[in-house]
Amino acid sequence: MSGDFPAYRLPAGKVGIVPIDGRGGMNLRKEDIVRDIASETGLSMVETKAVVNAFMSKIIEGITAGKRIELRGFGVFTSRVRKGRVARNPKTGKKLQVPPCAIPVFKPSKTLKKILKEVA
C-alpha cells in the first residue's frame, strides 16, 4: 500500500482502499467525506464542509474554464467536447439533432491505478 491512503480489510482477506459509508453500504457521499475529514483533522463539520465545497468549486471552475486540474497521486480532471450527433427517439422513431456538449473527464494517476489493482 502506498502513502496517505487508509487500508481496510476486505471480505476476501485482501487489504485495500474501500469506501465504506456509515450506513453499511459501499457508497461514499460528500456528507461522509466531510464527517471523516472533520474527525481526522479536528475541524468542525461546518469548517470542513466549507473546505470541501470550496475544493469542489475550484475543480468545477477550472474544468469549465478549459483548464487541466492535476492532483498528483490521484489523477487529472479535464473536459472535452462531445461531438454533435443525430439521435432517434425509440418510441416515435423520429430523428433529432443532439448538439455538441462539454463533458468532464477524469484520468486516474498511476499511483491510484496501482492501489486499485492491489484491491482487486
N, C-alpha and C. Protein backbone atom coordinates (compact mmCIF):
# COMPACT_ATOMS: atom_id res chain seq x y z
N MET A 1 0.85 -1.18 0.00
CA MET A 1 0.00 0.00 0.00
C MET A 1 0.89 1.23 0.00
N SER A 2 0.32 2.31 -0.46
CA SER A 2 1.15 3.48 -0.59
C SER A 2 0.62 4.64 0.21
N GLY A 3 1.50 5.45 0.66
CA GLY A 3 1.27 6.79 1.15
C GLY A 3 0.20 7.02 2.18
N ASP A 4 -0.64 7.99 1.91
CA ASP A 4 -1.58 8.52 2.88
C ASP A 4 -2.96 7.87 2.81
N PHE A 5 -3.11 6.79 2.08
CA PHE A 5 -4.42 6.18 1.93
C PHE A 5 -4.65 5.15 3.04
N PRO A 6 -5.82 5.18 3.70
CA PRO A 6 -6.08 4.20 4.75
C PRO A 6 -6.33 2.82 4.16
N ALA A 7 -6.04 1.80 4.91
CA ALA A 7 -6.27 0.43 4.46
C ALA A 7 -7.44 -0.16 5.22
N TYR A 8 -8.29 -0.88 4.52
CA TYR A 8 -9.44 -1.54 5.13
C TYR A 8 -9.38 -3.01 4.79
N ARG A 9 -9.87 -3.86 5.67
CA ARG A 9 -9.88 -5.31 5.44
C ARG A 9 -11.06 -5.65 4.54
N LEU A 10 -10.79 -6.34 3.45
CA LEU A 10 -11.83 -6.76 2.51
C LEU A 10 -12.33 -8.14 2.91
N PRO A 11 -13.54 -8.51 2.50
CA PRO A 11 -14.07 -9.82 2.85
C PRO A 11 -13.20 -10.98 2.38
N ALA A 12 -12.54 -10.83 1.22
CA ALA A 12 -11.73 -11.90 0.67
C ALA A 12 -10.38 -12.02 1.38
N GLY A 13 -10.13 -11.16 2.37
CA GLY A 13 -8.87 -11.20 3.09
C GLY A 13 -7.81 -10.32 2.49
N LYS A 14 -8.12 -9.62 1.40
CA LYS A 14 -7.17 -8.71 0.79
C LYS A 14 -7.25 -7.37 1.50
N VAL A 15 -6.16 -6.62 1.46
CA VAL A 15 -6.14 -5.29 2.05
C VAL A 15 -6.22 -4.29 0.93
N GLY A 16 -7.08 -3.29 1.06
CA GLY A 16 -7.19 -2.28 0.01
C GLY A 16 -7.99 -1.08 0.46
N ILE A 17 -8.21 -0.18 -0.45
CA ILE A 17 -8.97 1.02 -0.21
C ILE A 17 -10.42 0.72 -0.55
N VAL A 18 -11.30 0.86 0.41
CA VAL A 18 -12.71 0.59 0.16
C VAL A 18 -13.52 1.72 0.79
N PRO A 19 -14.35 2.41 0.00
CA PRO A 19 -15.22 3.42 0.60
C PRO A 19 -16.35 2.76 1.37
N ILE A 20 -16.40 2.98 2.67
CA ILE A 20 -17.45 2.39 3.48
C ILE A 20 -18.22 3.52 4.14
N ASP A 21 -19.51 3.57 3.88
CA ASP A 21 -20.31 4.64 4.47
C ASP A 21 -20.84 4.22 5.83
N GLY A 22 -21.36 5.16 6.57
CA GLY A 22 -21.87 4.90 7.90
C GLY A 22 -23.15 4.09 7.90
N ARG A 23 -23.72 3.84 6.76
CA ARG A 23 -24.97 3.10 6.66
C ARG A 23 -24.73 1.64 6.28
N GLY A 24 -23.47 1.19 6.28
CA GLY A 24 -23.17 -0.20 5.99
C GLY A 24 -23.05 -0.51 4.51
N GLY A 25 -23.19 0.49 3.64
CA GLY A 25 -23.09 0.26 2.21
C GLY A 25 -21.70 0.53 1.69
N MET A 26 -21.54 0.48 0.38
CA MET A 26 -20.24 0.70 -0.23
C MET A 26 -20.18 2.04 -0.94
N ASN A 27 -21.14 2.93 -0.69
CA ASN A 27 -21.13 4.24 -1.31
C ASN A 27 -20.60 5.27 -0.34
N LEU A 28 -19.91 6.26 -0.88
CA LEU A 28 -19.33 7.32 -0.06
C LEU A 28 -19.89 8.63 -0.57
N ARG A 29 -20.68 9.30 0.26
CA ARG A 29 -21.27 10.58 -0.13
C ARG A 29 -20.42 11.72 0.39
N LYS A 30 -20.70 12.93 -0.10
CA LYS A 30 -19.97 14.11 0.35
C LYS A 30 -20.11 14.27 1.86
N GLU A 31 -21.27 14.01 2.38
CA GLU A 31 -21.51 14.10 3.82
C GLU A 31 -20.57 13.17 4.60
N ASP A 32 -20.34 11.96 4.07
CA ASP A 32 -19.44 11.00 4.71
C ASP A 32 -18.00 11.49 4.68
N ILE A 33 -17.61 12.07 3.55
CA ILE A 33 -16.26 12.60 3.41
C ILE A 33 -16.04 13.74 4.39
N VAL A 34 -17.02 14.64 4.49
CA VAL A 34 -16.92 15.77 5.42
C VAL A 34 -16.78 15.26 6.85
N ARG A 35 -17.61 14.30 7.23
CA ARG A 35 -17.57 13.75 8.59
C ARG A 35 -16.21 13.11 8.89
N ASP A 36 -15.69 12.32 7.94
CA ASP A 36 -14.41 11.64 8.13
C ASP A 36 -13.26 12.64 8.25
N ILE A 37 -13.24 13.63 7.38
CA ILE A 37 -12.17 14.63 7.42
C ILE A 37 -12.25 15.43 8.71
N ALA A 38 -13.46 15.79 9.13
CA ALA A 38 -13.63 16.55 10.37
C ALA A 38 -13.11 15.76 11.56
N SER A 39 -13.41 14.47 11.63
CA SER A 39 -12.95 13.66 12.76
C SER A 39 -11.44 13.44 12.73
N GLU A 40 -10.85 13.35 11.53
CA GLU A 40 -9.40 13.13 11.41
C GLU A 40 -8.59 14.40 11.66
N THR A 41 -9.15 15.55 11.34
CA THR A 41 -8.39 16.80 11.46
C THR A 41 -8.72 17.61 12.70
N GLY A 42 -9.86 17.33 13.33
CA GLY A 42 -10.26 18.11 14.49
C GLY A 42 -11.00 19.38 14.12
N LEU A 43 -11.22 19.61 12.83
CA LEU A 43 -12.00 20.77 12.41
C LEU A 43 -13.48 20.50 12.67
N SER A 44 -14.28 21.56 12.75
CA SER A 44 -15.72 21.37 12.92
C SER A 44 -16.31 20.90 11.60
N MET A 45 -17.52 20.34 11.68
CA MET A 45 -18.22 19.90 10.47
C MET A 45 -18.48 21.08 9.53
N VAL A 46 -18.81 22.24 10.10
CA VAL A 46 -19.10 23.43 9.29
C VAL A 46 -17.84 23.89 8.55
N GLU A 47 -16.72 23.93 9.26
CA GLU A 47 -15.45 24.33 8.62
C GLU A 47 -15.04 23.35 7.54
N THR A 48 -15.15 22.06 7.84
CA THR A 48 -14.77 21.02 6.88
C THR A 48 -15.65 21.06 5.65
N LYS A 49 -16.96 21.25 5.86
CA LYS A 49 -17.88 21.32 4.72
C LYS A 49 -17.53 22.51 3.83
N ALA A 50 -17.15 23.64 4.44
CA ALA A 50 -16.77 24.82 3.66
C ALA A 50 -15.51 24.54 2.83
N VAL A 51 -14.56 23.83 3.41
CA VAL A 51 -13.32 23.50 2.69
C VAL A 51 -13.62 22.54 1.54
N VAL A 52 -14.40 21.50 1.79
CA VAL A 52 -14.74 20.53 0.75
C VAL A 52 -15.51 21.21 -0.38
N ASN A 53 -16.48 22.06 -0.03
CA ASN A 53 -17.25 22.77 -1.05
C ASN A 53 -16.36 23.70 -1.87
N ALA A 54 -15.43 24.40 -1.22
CA ALA A 54 -14.52 25.29 -1.93
C ALA A 54 -13.61 24.50 -2.87
N PHE A 55 -13.14 23.34 -2.40
CA PHE A 55 -12.28 22.47 -3.21
C PHE A 55 -13.03 22.01 -4.47
N MET A 56 -14.26 21.55 -4.27
CA MET A 56 -15.05 21.09 -5.41
C MET A 56 -15.36 22.24 -6.36
N SER A 57 -15.65 23.41 -5.82
CA SER A 57 -15.93 24.59 -6.66
C SER A 57 -14.74 24.95 -7.52
N LYS A 58 -13.54 24.87 -6.93
CA LYS A 58 -12.33 25.20 -7.69
C LYS A 58 -12.11 24.20 -8.83
N ILE A 59 -12.38 22.94 -8.58
CA ILE A 59 -12.24 21.93 -9.65
C ILE A 59 -13.26 22.22 -10.76
N ILE A 60 -14.51 22.46 -10.39
CA ILE A 60 -15.55 22.76 -11.38
C ILE A 60 -15.21 24.03 -12.15
N GLU A 61 -14.76 25.05 -11.43
CA GLU A 61 -14.39 26.32 -12.06
C GLU A 61 -13.27 26.12 -13.08
N GLY A 62 -12.27 25.33 -12.71
CA GLY A 62 -11.15 25.07 -13.61
C GLY A 62 -11.56 24.28 -14.84
N ILE A 63 -12.37 23.26 -14.63
CA ILE A 63 -12.82 22.42 -15.75
C ILE A 63 -13.66 23.24 -16.73
N THR A 64 -14.58 24.06 -16.20
CA THR A 64 -15.43 24.85 -17.09
C THR A 64 -14.64 25.92 -17.82
N ALA A 65 -13.49 26.32 -17.27
CA ALA A 65 -12.63 27.30 -17.93
C ALA A 65 -11.69 26.62 -18.93
N GLY A 66 -11.79 25.31 -19.05
CA GLY A 66 -10.95 24.58 -20.00
C GLY A 66 -9.57 24.25 -19.47
N LYS A 67 -9.37 24.36 -18.15
CA LYS A 67 -8.07 24.08 -17.56
C LYS A 67 -7.94 22.60 -17.22
N ARG A 68 -6.70 22.18 -17.04
CA ARG A 68 -6.36 20.81 -16.66
C ARG A 68 -6.04 20.85 -15.17
N ILE A 69 -6.80 20.13 -14.35
CA ILE A 69 -6.61 20.12 -12.90
C ILE A 69 -5.87 18.84 -12.53
N GLU A 70 -4.63 18.98 -12.09
CA GLU A 70 -3.80 17.81 -11.78
C GLU A 70 -3.60 17.70 -10.27
N LEU A 71 -4.00 16.56 -9.72
CA LEU A 71 -3.79 16.25 -8.31
C LEU A 71 -2.82 15.07 -8.26
N ARG A 72 -1.55 15.38 -8.01
CA ARG A 72 -0.51 14.34 -8.04
C ARG A 72 -0.87 13.19 -7.11
N GLY A 73 -0.70 11.98 -7.60
CA GLY A 73 -1.01 10.79 -6.84
C GLY A 73 -2.47 10.41 -6.88
N PHE A 74 -3.31 11.24 -7.48
CA PHE A 74 -4.74 10.96 -7.56
C PHE A 74 -5.21 10.89 -9.00
N GLY A 75 -5.02 11.98 -9.77
CA GLY A 75 -5.45 11.96 -11.16
C GLY A 75 -5.59 13.36 -11.73
N VAL A 76 -6.11 13.41 -12.94
CA VAL A 76 -6.26 14.67 -13.67
C VAL A 76 -7.71 14.83 -14.11
N PHE A 77 -8.27 16.00 -13.83
CA PHE A 77 -9.61 16.37 -14.29
C PHE A 77 -9.47 17.30 -15.49
N THR A 78 -10.19 17.01 -16.54
CA THR A 78 -10.23 17.87 -17.71
C THR A 78 -11.66 17.85 -18.26
N SER A 79 -11.86 18.58 -19.33
CA SER A 79 -13.14 18.48 -20.02
C SER A 79 -12.85 18.28 -21.50
N ARG A 80 -13.79 17.73 -22.19
CA ARG A 80 -13.67 17.60 -23.63
C ARG A 80 -15.05 17.82 -24.23
N VAL A 81 -15.06 18.12 -25.52
CA VAL A 81 -16.32 18.38 -26.19
C VAL A 81 -16.77 17.11 -26.91
N ARG A 82 -17.96 16.68 -26.59
CA ARG A 82 -18.56 15.53 -27.28
C ARG A 82 -19.21 16.06 -28.56
N LYS A 83 -18.89 15.43 -29.68
CA LYS A 83 -19.42 15.88 -30.97
C LYS A 83 -20.94 15.79 -31.01
N GLY A 84 -21.52 16.68 -31.78
CA GLY A 84 -22.96 16.62 -32.02
C GLY A 84 -23.28 15.38 -32.84
N ARG A 85 -24.50 14.92 -32.75
CA ARG A 85 -24.87 13.71 -33.48
C ARG A 85 -26.37 13.70 -33.74
N VAL A 86 -26.78 12.78 -34.57
CA VAL A 86 -28.20 12.58 -34.83
C VAL A 86 -28.64 11.39 -34.00
N ALA A 87 -29.68 11.59 -33.18
CA ALA A 87 -30.22 10.51 -32.36
C ALA A 87 -31.64 10.19 -32.84
N ARG A 88 -32.17 9.11 -32.30
CA ARG A 88 -33.51 8.71 -32.69
C ARG A 88 -34.33 8.43 -31.44
N ASN A 89 -35.53 8.97 -31.41
CA ASN A 89 -36.46 8.69 -30.32
C ASN A 89 -36.95 7.26 -30.50
N PRO A 90 -36.65 6.36 -29.56
CA PRO A 90 -37.03 4.96 -29.75
C PRO A 90 -38.54 4.73 -29.79
N LYS A 91 -39.30 5.61 -29.16
CA LYS A 91 -40.76 5.43 -29.13
C LYS A 91 -41.41 5.84 -30.45
N THR A 92 -40.96 7.00 -30.98
CA THR A 92 -41.60 7.52 -32.20
C THR A 92 -40.78 7.23 -33.46
N GLY A 93 -39.50 6.96 -33.29
CA GLY A 93 -38.64 6.76 -34.45
C GLY A 93 -38.16 8.06 -35.07
N LYS A 94 -38.60 9.17 -34.54
CA LYS A 94 -38.25 10.48 -35.09
C LYS A 94 -36.78 10.81 -34.80
N LYS A 95 -36.09 11.33 -35.82
CA LYS A 95 -34.69 11.72 -35.65
C LYS A 95 -34.62 13.13 -35.07
N LEU A 96 -33.60 13.35 -34.22
CA LEU A 96 -33.38 14.68 -33.68
C LEU A 96 -31.89 14.95 -33.57
N GLN A 97 -31.52 16.20 -33.65
CA GLN A 97 -30.12 16.62 -33.61
C GLN A 97 -29.71 16.87 -32.16
N VAL A 98 -28.68 16.18 -31.69
CA VAL A 98 -28.13 16.40 -30.36
C VAL A 98 -26.91 17.31 -30.55
N PRO A 99 -26.91 18.50 -29.93
CA PRO A 99 -25.81 19.44 -30.14
C PRO A 99 -24.53 19.01 -29.42
N PRO A 100 -23.38 19.53 -29.82
CA PRO A 100 -22.14 19.24 -29.10
C PRO A 100 -22.25 19.74 -27.66
N CYS A 101 -21.59 19.05 -26.73
CA CYS A 101 -21.61 19.50 -25.34
C CYS A 101 -20.28 19.14 -24.67
N ALA A 102 -19.95 19.90 -23.64
CA ALA A 102 -18.73 19.64 -22.87
C ALA A 102 -19.04 18.59 -21.81
N ILE A 103 -18.11 17.65 -21.62
CA ILE A 103 -18.27 16.64 -20.59
C ILE A 103 -17.01 16.59 -19.73
N PRO A 104 -17.15 16.28 -18.43
CA PRO A 104 -15.97 16.16 -17.57
C PRO A 104 -15.27 14.83 -17.83
N VAL A 105 -13.95 14.84 -17.70
CA VAL A 105 -13.15 13.63 -17.90
C VAL A 105 -12.19 13.52 -16.71
N PHE A 106 -12.07 12.30 -16.16
CA PHE A 106 -11.12 12.05 -15.08
C PHE A 106 -10.19 10.93 -15.51
N LYS A 107 -8.88 11.18 -15.40
CA LYS A 107 -7.89 10.16 -15.71
C LYS A 107 -7.12 9.86 -14.42
N PRO A 108 -7.24 8.65 -13.89
CA PRO A 108 -6.55 8.33 -12.64
C PRO A 108 -5.04 8.28 -12.83
N SER A 109 -4.30 8.59 -11.75
CA SER A 109 -2.84 8.55 -11.80
C SER A 109 -2.36 7.10 -11.76
N LYS A 110 -1.09 6.90 -12.05
CA LYS A 110 -0.50 5.57 -11.98
C LYS A 110 -0.57 5.03 -10.55
N THR A 111 -0.36 5.92 -9.57
CA THR A 111 -0.43 5.53 -8.17
C THR A 111 -1.81 5.01 -7.81
N LEU A 112 -2.84 5.73 -8.20
CA LEU A 112 -4.22 5.31 -7.91
C LEU A 112 -4.55 4.00 -8.62
N LYS A 113 -4.11 3.86 -9.87
CA LYS A 113 -4.35 2.62 -10.61
C LYS A 113 -3.67 1.44 -9.90
N LYS A 114 -2.45 1.66 -9.42
CA LYS A 114 -1.71 0.60 -8.73
C LYS A 114 -2.42 0.19 -7.46
N ILE A 115 -2.91 1.16 -6.69
CA ILE A 115 -3.62 0.87 -5.45
C ILE A 115 -4.89 0.08 -5.74
N LEU A 116 -5.63 0.49 -6.74
CA LEU A 116 -6.87 -0.22 -7.09
C LEU A 116 -6.60 -1.62 -7.63
N LYS A 117 -5.49 -1.78 -8.32
CA LYS A 117 -5.13 -3.10 -8.84
C LYS A 117 -4.84 -4.07 -7.70
N GLU A 118 -4.23 -3.55 -6.60
CA GLU A 118 -3.92 -4.37 -5.44
C GLU A 118 -5.19 -4.82 -4.73
N VAL A 119 -6.25 -4.00 -4.80
CA VAL A 119 -7.51 -4.31 -4.14
C VAL A 119 -8.25 -5.44 -4.85
N ALA A 120 -8.18 -5.44 -6.16
CA ALA A 120 -8.95 -6.40 -6.97
C ALA A 120 -8.49 -7.82 -6.81
